[in-house]
PDB file of N, CA and C in Angstrom:
ATOM      1  N   UNK A   1       4.740 -16.515 -16.796  1.00  0.00           N
ATOM      2  CA  UNK A   1       4.524 -15.102 -16.627  1.00  0.00           C
ATOM      3  C   UNK A   1       3.051 -14.860 -16.322  1.00  0.00           C
ATOM      4  N   UNK A   2       2.790 -13.943 -15.388  1.00  0.00           N
ATOM      5  CA  UNK A   2       1.416 -13.665 -14.974  1.00  0.00           C
ATOM      6  C   UNK A   2       0.673 -12.942 -16.091  1.00  0.00           C
ATOM      7  N   UNK A   3      -0.573 -13.319 -16.273  1.00  0.00           N
ATOM      8  CA  UNK A   3      -1.356 -12.663 -17.309  1.00  0.00           C
ATOM      9  C   UNK A   3      -1.889 -11.333 -16.786  1.00  0.00           C
ATOM     10  N   UNK A   4      -2.012 -10.380 -17.676  1.00  0.00           N
ATOM     11  CA  UNK A   4      -2.533  -9.069 -17.312  1.00  0.00           C
ATOM     12  C   UNK A   4      -4.040  -9.091 -17.527  1.00  0.00           C
ATOM     13  N   UNK A   5      -4.754  -8.742 -16.463  1.00  0.00           N
ATOM     14  CA  UNK A   5      -6.209  -8.716 -16.549  1.00  0.00           C
ATOM     15  C   UNK A   5      -6.651  -7.535 -17.407  1.00  0.00           C
ATOM     16  N   UNK A   6      -7.632  -7.742 -18.269  1.00  0.00           N
ATOM     17  CA  UNK A   6      -8.125  -6.622 -19.072  1.00  0.00           C
ATOM     18  C   UNK A   6      -8.906  -5.641 -18.187  1.00  0.00           C
ATOM     19  N   UNK A   7      -8.863  -4.384 -18.554  1.00  0.00           N
ATOM     20  CA  UNK A   7      -9.617  -3.372 -17.813  1.00  0.00           C
ATOM     21  C   UNK A   7     -11.090  -3.491 -18.152  1.00  0.00           C
ATOM     22  N   UNK A   8     -11.904  -3.317 -17.130  1.00  0.00           N
ATOM     23  CA  UNK A   8     -13.352  -3.318 -17.349  1.00  0.00           C
ATOM     24  C   UNK A   8     -13.881  -1.947 -16.959  1.00  0.00           C
ATOM     25  N   UNK A   9     -14.932  -1.530 -17.581  1.00  0.00           N
ATOM     26  CA  UNK A   9     -15.549  -0.252 -17.294  1.00  0.00           C
ATOM     27  C   UNK A   9     -16.641  -0.463 -16.246  1.00  0.00           C
ATOM     28  N   UNK A  10     -16.557   0.292 -15.147  1.00  0.00           N
ATOM     29  CA  UNK A  10     -17.556   0.185 -14.089  1.00  0.00           C
ATOM     30  C   UNK A  10     -17.954   1.587 -13.635  1.00  0.00           C
ATOM     31  N   UNK A  11     -19.146   1.681 -13.106  1.00  0.00           N
ATOM     32  CA  UNK A  11     -19.617   2.934 -12.527  1.00  0.00           C
ATOM     33  C   UNK A  11     -19.653   2.755 -11.019  1.00  0.00           C
ATOM     34  N   UNK A  12     -18.990   3.678 -10.325  1.00  0.00           N
ATOM     35  CA  UNK A  12     -18.972   3.628  -8.866  1.00  0.00           C
ATOM     36  C   UNK A  12     -19.587   4.912  -8.337  1.00  0.00           C
ATOM     37  N   UNK A  13     -20.069   4.854  -7.109  1.00  0.00           N
ATOM     38  CA  UNK A  13     -20.621   6.031  -6.461  1.00  0.00           C
ATOM     39  C   UNK A  13     -19.687   6.408  -5.327  1.00  0.00           C
ATOM     40  N   UNK A  14     -19.004   7.539  -5.513  1.00  0.00           N
ATOM     41  CA  UNK A  14     -18.039   8.019  -4.523  1.00  0.00           C
ATOM     42  C   UNK A  14     -18.391   9.449  -4.163  1.00  0.00           C
ATOM     43  N   UNK A  15     -18.483   9.699  -2.870  1.00  0.00           N
ATOM     44  CA  UNK A  15     -18.726  11.052  -2.377  1.00  0.00           C
ATOM     45  C   UNK A  15     -19.946  11.684  -3.061  1.00  0.00           C
ATOM     46  N   UNK A  16     -20.996  10.933  -3.121  1.00  0.00           N
ATOM     47  CA  UNK A  16     -22.272  11.383  -3.676  1.00  0.00           C
ATOM     48  C   UNK A  16     -22.215  11.703  -5.167  1.00  0.00           C
ATOM     49  N   UNK A  17     -21.241  11.130  -5.859  1.00  0.00           N
ATOM     50  CA  UNK A  17     -21.094  11.310  -7.308  1.00  0.00           C
ATOM     51  C   UNK A  17     -20.946   9.946  -7.964  1.00  0.00           C
ATOM     52  N   UNK A  18     -21.590   9.773  -9.099  1.00  0.00           N
ATOM     53  CA  UNK A  18     -21.384   8.564  -9.895  1.00  0.00           C
ATOM     54  C   UNK A  18     -20.253   8.832 -10.869  1.00  0.00           C
ATOM     55  N   UNK A  19     -19.286   7.924 -10.865  1.00  0.00           N
ATOM     56  CA  UNK A  19     -18.099   8.091 -11.693  1.00  0.00           C
ATOM     57  C   UNK A  19     -17.866   6.800 -12.462  1.00  0.00           C
ATOM     58  N   UNK A  20     -17.614   6.915 -13.751  1.00  0.00           N
ATOM     59  CA  UNK A  20     -17.281   5.739 -14.547  1.00  0.00           C
ATOM     60  C   UNK A  20     -15.762   5.643 -14.626  1.00  0.00           C
ATOM     61  N   UNK A  21     -15.229   4.467 -14.267  1.00  0.00           N
ATOM     62  CA  UNK A  21     -13.782   4.241 -14.310  1.00  0.00           C
ATOM     63  C   UNK A  21     -13.493   2.941 -15.038  1.00  0.00           C
ATOM     64  N   UNK A  22     -12.229   2.770 -15.409  1.00  0.00           N
ATOM     65  CA  UNK A  22     -11.755   1.505 -15.975  1.00  0.00           C
ATOM     66  C   UNK A  22     -10.778   0.928 -14.973  1.00  0.00           C
ATOM     67  N   UNK A  23     -10.964  -0.335 -14.644  1.00  0.00           N
ATOM     68  CA  UNK A  23     -10.140  -0.957 -13.611  1.00  0.00           C
ATOM     69  C   UNK A  23      -9.981  -2.445 -13.873  1.00  0.00           C
ATOM     70  N   UNK A  24      -8.935  -3.000 -13.270  1.00  0.00           N
ATOM     71  CA  UNK A  24      -8.771  -4.451 -13.303  1.00  0.00           C
ATOM     72  C   UNK A  24      -8.957  -5.048 -11.907  1.00  0.00           C
ATOM     73  N   UNK A  25      -9.393  -4.224 -10.960  1.00  0.00           N
ATOM     74  CA  UNK A  25      -9.607  -4.707  -9.599  1.00  0.00           C
ATOM     75  C   UNK A  25     -10.816  -5.640  -9.532  1.00  0.00           C
ATOM     76  N   UNK A  26     -10.729  -6.657  -8.674  1.00  0.00           N
ATOM     77  CA  UNK A  26     -11.908  -7.501  -8.455  1.00  0.00           C
ATOM     78  C   UNK A  26     -13.035  -6.669  -7.822  1.00  0.00           C
ATOM     79  N   UNK A  27     -14.263  -7.059  -8.079  1.00  0.00           N
ATOM     80  CA  UNK A  27     -15.421  -6.314  -7.575  1.00  0.00           C
ATOM     81  C   UNK A  27     -15.377  -6.130  -6.058  1.00  0.00           C
ATOM     82  N   UNK A  28     -15.009  -7.169  -5.337  1.00  0.00           N
ATOM     83  CA  UNK A  28     -14.989  -7.091  -3.873  1.00  0.00           C
ATOM     84  C   UNK A  28     -13.965  -6.071  -3.388  1.00  0.00           C
ATOM     85  N   UNK A  29     -12.797  -6.052  -4.018  1.00  0.00           N
ATOM     86  CA  UNK A  29     -11.756  -5.101  -3.615  1.00  0.00           C
ATOM     87  C   UNK A  29     -12.175  -3.669  -3.959  1.00  0.00           C
ATOM     88  N   UNK A  30     -12.754  -3.484  -5.125  1.00  0.00           N
ATOM     89  CA  UNK A  30     -13.232  -2.167  -5.532  1.00  0.00           C
ATOM     90  C   UNK A  30     -14.317  -1.674  -4.576  1.00  0.00           C
ATOM     91  N   UNK A  31     -15.228  -2.553  -4.201  1.00  0.00           N
ATOM     92  CA  UNK A  31     -16.297  -2.179  -3.263  1.00  0.00           C
ATOM     93  C   UNK A  31     -15.718  -1.765  -1.916  1.00  0.00           C
ATOM     94  N   UNK A  32     -14.685  -2.464  -1.473  1.00  0.00           N
ATOM     95  CA  UNK A  32     -14.033  -2.124  -0.201  1.00  0.00           C
ATOM     96  C   UNK A  32     -13.386  -0.736  -0.268  1.00  0.00           C
ATOM     97  N   UNK A  33     -12.746  -0.428  -1.372  1.00  0.00           N
ATOM     98  CA  UNK A  33     -12.114   0.880  -1.554  1.00  0.00           C
ATOM     99  C   UNK A  33     -13.169   1.975  -1.562  1.00  0.00           C
ATOM    100  N   UNK A  34     -14.222   1.779  -2.330  1.00  0.00           N
ATOM    101  CA  UNK A  34     -15.296   2.770  -2.429  1.00  0.00           C
ATOM    102  C   UNK A  34     -15.922   2.995  -1.057  1.00  0.00           C
ATOM    103  N   UNK A  35     -16.165   1.922  -0.324  1.00  0.00           N
ATOM    104  CA  UNK A  35     -16.760   2.026   1.011  1.00  0.00           C
ATOM    105  C   UNK A  35     -15.853   2.829   1.944  1.00  0.00           C
ATOM    106  N   UNK A  36     -14.568   2.577   1.891  1.00  0.00           N
ATOM    107  CA  UNK A  36     -13.619   3.307   2.734  1.00  0.00           C
ATOM    108  C   UNK A  36     -13.623   4.800   2.407  1.00  0.00           C
ATOM    109  N   UNK A  37     -13.601   5.129   1.131  1.00  0.00           N
ATOM    110  CA  UNK A  37     -13.626   6.535   0.726  1.00  0.00           C
ATOM    111  C   UNK A  37     -14.928   7.193   1.176  1.00  0.00           C
ATOM    112  N   UNK A  38     -16.049   6.510   0.960  1.00  0.00           N
ATOM    113  CA  UNK A  38     -17.337   7.089   1.350  1.00  0.00           C
ATOM    114  C   UNK A  38     -17.443   7.297   2.859  1.00  0.00           C
ATOM    115  N   UNK A  39     -16.911   6.364   3.645  1.00  0.00           N
ATOM    116  CA  UNK A  39     -16.932   6.533   5.104  1.00  0.00           C
ATOM    117  C   UNK A  39     -16.123   7.759   5.512  1.00  0.00           C
ATOM    118  N   UNK A  40     -14.946   7.903   4.943  1.00  0.00           N
ATOM    119  CA  UNK A  40     -14.107   9.064   5.272  1.00  0.00           C
ATOM    120  C   UNK A  40     -14.754  10.357   4.804  1.00  0.00           C
ATOM    121  N   UNK A  41     -15.373  10.322   3.647  1.00  0.00           N
ATOM    122  CA  UNK A  41     -16.044  11.509   3.131  1.00  0.00           C
ATOM    123  C   UNK A  41     -17.179  11.913   4.065  1.00  0.00           C
ATOM    124  N   UNK A  42     -17.941  10.947   4.521  1.00  0.00           N
ATOM    125  CA  UNK A  42     -19.062  11.245   5.422  1.00  0.00           C
ATOM    126  C   UNK A  42     -18.586  11.810   6.763  1.00  0.00           C
ATOM    127  N   UNK A  43     -17.432  11.354   7.241  1.00  0.00           N
ATOM    128  CA  UNK A  43     -16.901  11.899   8.505  1.00  0.00           C
ATOM    129  C   UNK A  43     -16.579  13.376   8.382  1.00  0.00           C
ATOM    130  N   UNK A  44     -16.273  13.838   7.180  1.00  0.00           N
ATOM    131  CA  UNK A  44     -15.934  15.249   7.000  1.00  0.00           C
ATOM    132  C   UNK A  44     -17.171  16.137   6.877  1.00  0.00           C
ATOM    133  N   UNK A  45     -18.367  15.558   6.918  1.00  0.00           N
ATOM    134  CA  UNK A  45     -19.604  16.339   6.790  1.00  0.00           C
ATOM    135  C   UNK A  45     -19.727  17.361   7.922  1.00  0.00           C
ATOM    136  N   UNK A  46     -19.141  17.068   9.065  1.00  0.00           N
ATOM    137  CA  UNK A  46     -19.239  17.964  10.228  1.00  0.00           C
ATOM    138  C   UNK A  46     -18.515  19.294   9.989  1.00  0.00           C
ATOM    139  N   UNK A  47     -17.638  19.348   8.983  1.00  0.00           N
ATOM    140  CA  UNK A  47     -16.887  20.565   8.722  1.00  0.00           C
ATOM    141  C   UNK A  47     -17.693  21.602   7.932  1.00  0.00           C
ATOM    142  N   UNK A  48     -18.849  21.235   7.457  1.00  0.00           N
ATOM    143  CA  UNK A  48     -19.758  22.127   6.745  1.00  0.00           C
ATOM    144  C   UNK A  48     -19.056  22.860   5.595  1.00  0.00           C
ATOM    145  N   UNK A  49     -18.396  22.073   4.740  1.00  0.00           N
ATOM    146  CA  UNK A  49     -17.768  22.595   3.530  1.00  0.00           C
ATOM    147  C   UNK A  49     -18.519  22.017   2.342  1.00  0.00           C
ATOM    148  N   UNK A  50     -18.329  22.638   1.195  1.00  0.00           N
ATOM    149  CA  UNK A  50     -18.937  22.048   0.011  1.00  0.00           C
ATOM    150  C   UNK A  50     -18.184  20.764  -0.346  1.00  0.00           C
ATOM    151  N   UNK A  51     -18.798  19.948  -1.162  1.00  0.00           N
ATOM    152  CA  UNK A  51     -18.240  18.627  -1.478  1.00  0.00           C
ATOM    153  C   UNK A  51     -16.865  18.702  -2.128  1.00  0.00           C
ATOM    154  N   UNK A  52     -16.630  19.718  -2.960  1.00  0.00           N
ATOM    155  CA  UNK A  52     -15.322  19.865  -3.598  1.00  0.00           C
ATOM    156  C   UNK A  52     -14.218  20.026  -2.556  1.00  0.00           C
ATOM    157  N   UNK A  53     -14.461  20.872  -1.571  1.00  0.00           N
ATOM    158  CA  UNK A  53     -13.460  21.093  -0.526  1.00  0.00           C
ATOM    159  C   UNK A  53     -13.293  19.848   0.336  1.00  0.00           C
ATOM    160  N   UNK A  54     -14.391  19.155   0.589  1.00  0.00           N
ATOM    161  CA  UNK A  54     -14.300  17.913   1.369  1.00  0.00           C
ATOM    162  C   UNK A  54     -13.470  16.874   0.634  1.00  0.00           C
ATOM    163  N   UNK A  55     -13.662  16.788  -0.696  1.00  0.00           N
ATOM    164  CA  UNK A  55     -12.870  15.841  -1.489  1.00  0.00           C
ATOM    165  C   UNK A  55     -11.402  16.249  -1.504  1.00  0.00           C
ATOM    166  N   UNK A  56     -11.133  17.554  -1.594  1.00  0.00           N
ATOM    167  CA  UNK A  56      -9.745  18.023  -1.570  1.00  0.00           C
ATOM    168  C   UNK A  56      -9.107  17.683  -0.219  1.00  0.00           C
ATOM    169  N   UNK A  57      -9.842  17.875   0.854  1.00  0.00           N
ATOM    170  CA  UNK A  57      -9.344  17.534   2.187  1.00  0.00           C
ATOM    171  C   UNK A  57      -9.062  16.038   2.289  1.00  0.00           C
ATOM    172  N   UNK A  58      -9.949  15.224   1.752  1.00  0.00           N
ATOM    173  CA  UNK A  58      -9.760  13.776   1.751  1.00  0.00           C
ATOM    174  C   UNK A  58      -8.545  13.391   0.912  1.00  0.00           C
ATOM    175  N   UNK A  59      -8.361  14.048  -0.222  1.00  0.00           N
ATOM    176  CA  UNK A  59      -7.199  13.761  -1.073  1.00  0.00           C
ATOM    177  C   UNK A  59      -5.897  14.073  -0.331  1.00  0.00           C
ATOM    178  N   UNK A  60      -5.864  15.192   0.383  1.00  0.00           N
ATOM    179  CA  UNK A  60      -4.671  15.559   1.151  1.00  0.00           C
ATOM    180  C   UNK A  60      -4.427  14.527   2.255  1.00  0.00           C
ATOM    181  N   UNK A  61      -5.483  14.134   2.940  1.00  0.00           N
ATOM    182  CA  UNK A  61      -5.368  13.143   4.017  1.00  0.00           C
ATOM    183  C   UNK A  61      -4.841  11.808   3.489  1.00  0.00           C
ATOM    184  N   UNK A  62      -5.407  11.326   2.398  1.00  0.00           N
ATOM    185  CA  UNK A  62      -4.980  10.047   1.832  1.00  0.00           C
ATOM    186  C   UNK A  62      -3.550  10.120   1.296  1.00  0.00           C
ATOM    187  N   UNK A  63      -3.204  11.234   0.663  1.00  0.00           N
ATOM    188  CA  UNK A  63      -1.845  11.401   0.153  1.00  0.00           C
ATOM    189  C   UNK A  63      -0.840  11.432   1.295  1.00  0.00           C
ATOM    190  N   UNK A  64      -1.199  12.088   2.382  1.00  0.00           N
ATOM    191  CA  UNK A  64      -0.327  12.117   3.565  1.00  0.00           C
ATOM    192  C   UNK A  64      -0.090  10.706   4.089  1.00  0.00           C
ATOM    193  N   UNK A  65      -1.147   9.907   4.138  1.00  0.00           N
ATOM    194  CA  UNK A  65      -1.014   8.524   4.596  1.00  0.00           C
ATOM    195  C   UNK A  65      -0.128   7.714   3.651  1.00  0.00           C
ATOM    196  N   UNK A  66      -0.297   7.915   2.352  1.00  0.00           N
ATOM    197  CA  UNK A  66       0.526   7.198   1.371  1.00  0.00           C
ATOM    198  C   UNK A  66       1.993   7.563   1.563  1.00  0.00           C
ATOM    199  N   UNK A  67       2.267   8.838   1.748  1.00  0.00           N
ATOM    200  CA  UNK A  67       3.654   9.273   1.921  1.00  0.00           C
ATOM    201  C   UNK A  67       4.260   8.689   3.197  1.00  0.00           C
ATOM    202  N   UNK A  68       3.481   8.630   4.263  1.00  0.00           N
ATOM    203  CA  UNK A  68       3.971   8.033   5.508  1.00  0.00           C
ATOM    204  C   UNK A  68       4.242   6.543   5.314  1.00  0.00           C
ATOM    205  N   UNK A  69       3.363   5.862   4.601  1.00  0.00           N
ATOM    206  CA  UNK A  69       3.577   4.442   4.325  1.00  0.00           C
ATOM    207  C   UNK A  69       4.821   4.224   3.474  1.00  0.00           C
ATOM    208  N   UNK A  70       5.072   5.118   2.531  1.00  0.00           N
ATOM    209  CA  UNK A  70       6.291   5.016   1.721  1.00  0.00           C
ATOM    210  C   UNK A  70       7.535   5.174   2.587  1.00  0.00           C
ATOM    211  N   UNK A  71       7.485   6.115   3.538  1.00  0.00           N
ATOM    212  CA  UNK A  71       8.615   6.300   4.458  1.00  0.00           C
ATOM    213  C   UNK A  71       8.834   5.025   5.280  1.00  0.00           C
ATOM    214  N   UNK A  72       7.740   4.463   5.791  1.00  0.00           N
ATOM    215  CA  UNK A  72       7.842   3.231   6.577  1.00  0.00           C
ATOM    216  C   UNK A  72       8.386   2.095   5.732  1.00  0.00           C
ATOM    217  N   UNK A  73       7.945   2.010   4.499  1.00  0.00           N
ATOM    218  CA  UNK A  73       8.435   0.972   3.590  1.00  0.00           C
ATOM    219  C   UNK A  73       9.922   1.153   3.324  1.00  0.00           C
ATOM    220  N   UNK A  74      10.353   2.388   3.151  1.00  0.00           N
ATOM    221  CA  UNK A  74      11.770   2.671   2.950  1.00  0.00           C
ATOM    222  C   UNK A  74      12.597   2.250   4.153  1.00  0.00           C
ATOM    223  N   UNK A  75      12.106   2.566   5.358  1.00  0.00           N
ATOM    224  CA  UNK A  75      12.812   2.154   6.578  1.00  0.00           C
ATOM    225  C   UNK A  75      12.835   0.638   6.704  1.00  0.00           C
ATOM    226  N   UNK A  76      11.729  -0.010   6.342  1.00  0.00           N
ATOM    227  CA  UNK A  76      11.676  -1.470   6.414  1.00  0.00           C
ATOM    228  C   UNK A  76      12.648  -2.096   5.424  1.00  0.00           C
ATOM    229  N   UNK A  77      12.771  -1.493   4.242  1.00  0.00           N
ATOM    230  CA  UNK A  77      13.709  -2.017   3.245  1.00  0.00           C
ATOM    231  C   UNK A  77      15.146  -1.889   3.745  1.00  0.00           C
ATOM    232  N   UNK A  78      15.485  -0.757   4.347  1.00  0.00           N
ATOM    233  CA  UNK A  78      16.829  -0.573   4.906  1.00  0.00           C
ATOM    234  C   UNK A  78      17.087  -1.630   5.977  1.00  0.00           C
ATOM    235  N   UNK A  79      16.110  -1.838   6.851  1.00  0.00           N
ATOM    236  CA  UNK A  79      16.243  -2.833   7.914  1.00  0.00           C
ATOM    237  C   UNK A  79      16.406  -4.228   7.316  1.00  0.00           C
ATOM    238  N   UNK A  80      15.609  -4.545   6.306  1.00  0.00           N
ATOM    239  CA  UNK A  80      15.691  -5.844   5.644  1.00  0.00           C
ATOM    240  C   UNK A  80      17.073  -6.044   5.021  1.00  0.00           C
ATOM    241  N   UNK A  81      17.565  -5.008   4.327  1.00  0.00           N
ATOM    242  CA  UNK A  81      18.889  -5.101   3.698  1.00  0.00           C
ATOM    243  C   UNK A  81      19.977  -5.323   4.745  1.00  0.00           C
ATOM    244  N   UNK A  82      19.865  -4.638   5.891  1.00  0.00           N
ATOM    245  CA  UNK A  82      20.840  -4.831   6.967  1.00  0.00           C
ATOM    246  C   UNK A  82      20.774  -6.261   7.507  1.00  0.00           C
ATOM    247  N   UNK A  83      19.578  -6.754   7.683  1.00  0.00           N
ATOM    248  CA  UNK A  83      19.421  -8.121   8.189  1.00  0.00           C
ATOM    249  C   UNK A  83      19.952  -9.129   7.186  1.00  0.00           C
ATOM    250  N   UNK A  84      19.741  -8.866   5.900  1.00  0.00           N
ATOM    251  CA  UNK A  84      20.242  -9.756   4.851  1.00  0.00           C
ATOM    252  C   UNK A  84      21.776  -9.823   4.905  1.00  0.00           C
ATOM    253  N   UNK A  85      22.421  -8.679   5.103  1.00  0.00           N
ATOM    254  CA  UNK A  85      23.881  -8.661   5.228  1.00  0.00           C
ATOM    255  C   UNK A  85      24.342  -9.427   6.455  1.00  0.00           C
ATOM    256  N   UNK A  86      23.629  -9.255   7.551  1.00  0.00           N
ATOM    257  CA  UNK A  86      23.978  -9.975   8.785  1.00  0.00           C
ATOM    258  C   UNK A  86      23.839 -11.488   8.592  1.00  0.00           C
ATOM    259  N   UNK A  87      22.789 -11.903   7.913  1.00  0.00           N
ATOM    260  CA  UNK A  87      22.592 -13.331   7.639  1.00  0.00           C
ATOM    261  C   UNK A  87      23.736 -13.856   6.774  1.00  0.00           C
ATOM    262  N   UNK A  88      24.132 -13.089   5.774  1.00  0.00           N
ATOM    263  CA  UNK A  88      25.256 -13.509   4.927  1.00  0.00           C
ATOM    264  C   UNK A  88      26.541 -13.635   5.742  1.00  0.00           C
ATOM    265  N   UNK A  89      26.795 -12.657   6.615  1.00  0.00           N
ATOM    266  CA  UNK A  89      27.982 -12.712   7.471  1.00  0.00           C
ATOM    267  C   UNK A  89      27.951 -13.927   8.395  1.00  0.00           C
ATOM    268  N   UNK A  90      26.796 -14.182   8.997  1.00  0.00           N
ATOM    269  CA  UNK A  90      26.668 -15.340   9.883  1.00  0.00           C
ATOM    270  C   UNK A  90      26.849 -16.646   9.118  1.00  0.00           C
ATOM    271  N   UNK A  91      26.331 -16.692   7.914  1.00  0.00           N
ATOM    272  CA  UNK A  91      26.484 -17.891   7.082  1.00  0.00           C
ATOM    273  C   UNK A  91      27.959 -18.140   6.777  1.00  0.00           C
ATOM    274  N   UNK A  92      28.672 -17.071   6.445  1.00  0.00           N
ATOM    275  CA  UNK A  92      30.111 -17.211   6.190  1.00  0.00           C
ATOM    276  C   UNK A  92      30.841 -17.707   7.436  1.00  0.00           C
ATOM    277  N   UNK A  93      30.514 -17.152   8.585  1.00  0.00           N
ATOM    278  CA  UNK A  93      31.149 -17.579   9.834  1.00  0.00           C
ATOM    279  C   UNK A  93      30.842 -19.047  10.138  1.00  0.00           C
ATOM    280  N   UNK A  94      29.596 -19.435   9.917  1.00  0.00           N
ATOM    281  CA  UNK A  94      29.226 -20.831  10.158  1.00  0.00           C
ATOM    282  C   UNK A  94      29.955 -21.762   9.193  1.00  0.00           C
ATOM    283  N   UNK A  95      30.040 -21.358   7.926  1.00  0.00           N
ATOM    284  CA  UNK A  95      30.761 -22.163   6.938  1.00  0.00           C
ATOM    285  C   UNK A  95      32.231 -22.307   7.327  1.00  0.00           C
ATOM    286  N   UNK A  96      32.842 -21.211   7.763  1.00  0.00           N
ATOM    287  CA  UNK A  96      34.243 -21.271   8.199  1.00  0.00           C
ATOM    288  C   UNK A  96      34.387 -22.195   9.392  1.00  0.00           C
ATOM    289  N   UNK A  97      33.499 -22.109  10.330  1.00  0.00           N
ATOM    290  CA  UNK A  97      33.545 -22.973  11.522  1.00  0.00           C
ATOM    291  C   UNK A  97      33.389 -24.425  11.150  1.00  0.00           C
ATOM    292  N   UNK A  98      32.515 -24.706  10.197  1.00  0.00           N
ATOM    293  CA  UNK A  98      32.311 -26.099   9.769  1.00  0.00           C
ATOM    294  C   UNK A  98      33.555 -26.611   9.046  1.00  0.00           C
ATOM    295  N   UNK A  99      34.185 -25.752   8.233  1.00  0.00           N
ATOM    296  CA  UNK A  99      35.413 -26.147   7.539  1.00  0.00           C
ATOM    297  C   UNK A  99      36.505 -26.454   8.536  1.00  0.00           C
ATOM    298  N   UNK A 100      36.632 -25.669   9.562  1.00  0.00           N
ATOM    299  CA  UNK A 100      37.656 -25.892  10.581  1.00  0.00           C
ATOM    300  C   UNK A 100      37.384 -27.199  11.340  1.00  0.00           C
ATOM    301  N   UNK A 101      36.114 -27.438  11.593  1.00  0.00           N
ATOM    302  CA  UNK A 101      35.763 -28.687  12.303  1.00  0.00           C
ATOM    303  C   UNK A 101      36.066 -29.922  11.463  1.00  0.00           C
ATOM    304  N   UNK A 102      35.911 -29.794  10.150  1.00  0.00           N
ATOM    305  CA  UNK A 102      36.209 -30.913   9.251  1.00  0.00           C
ATOM    306  C   UNK A 102      37.700 -31.214   9.211  1.00  0.00           C
ATOM    307  N   UNK A 103      38.512 -30.171   9.398  1.00  0.00           N
ATOM    308  CA  UNK A 103      39.958 -30.340   9.327  1.00  0.00           C
ATOM    309  C   UNK A 103      40.531 -30.981  10.589  1.00  0.00           C
ATOM    310  N   UNK A 104      39.801 -30.917  11.671  1.00  0.00           N
ATOM    311  CA  UNK A 104      40.305 -31.496  12.932  1.00  0.00           C
ATOM    312  C   UNK A 104      40.209 -32.955  12.947  1.00  0.00           C
TER     313      UNK A 104
END
């Protein structure tokens, strides 16, 4: 069984704010996430909104992406399940064909 990593307390700088969080993510992965958020936050600077509104806009954007990915994952699961059934059917047909060949 996989061991559960203990949470560590870290301070990150996101959207011009220092935030203390607890996480089990590796430092490199956490840095990549923070960098991605900060890049997206900076792109919204052109909208001339206060930081709270920019963060809300970013939250909506990221949530929209998550929901789209969930839809894609759902479609992929349906496709996978269909393919799994087809493989089972083909396996049965091949087994039947091999049994018939053995009887000849």
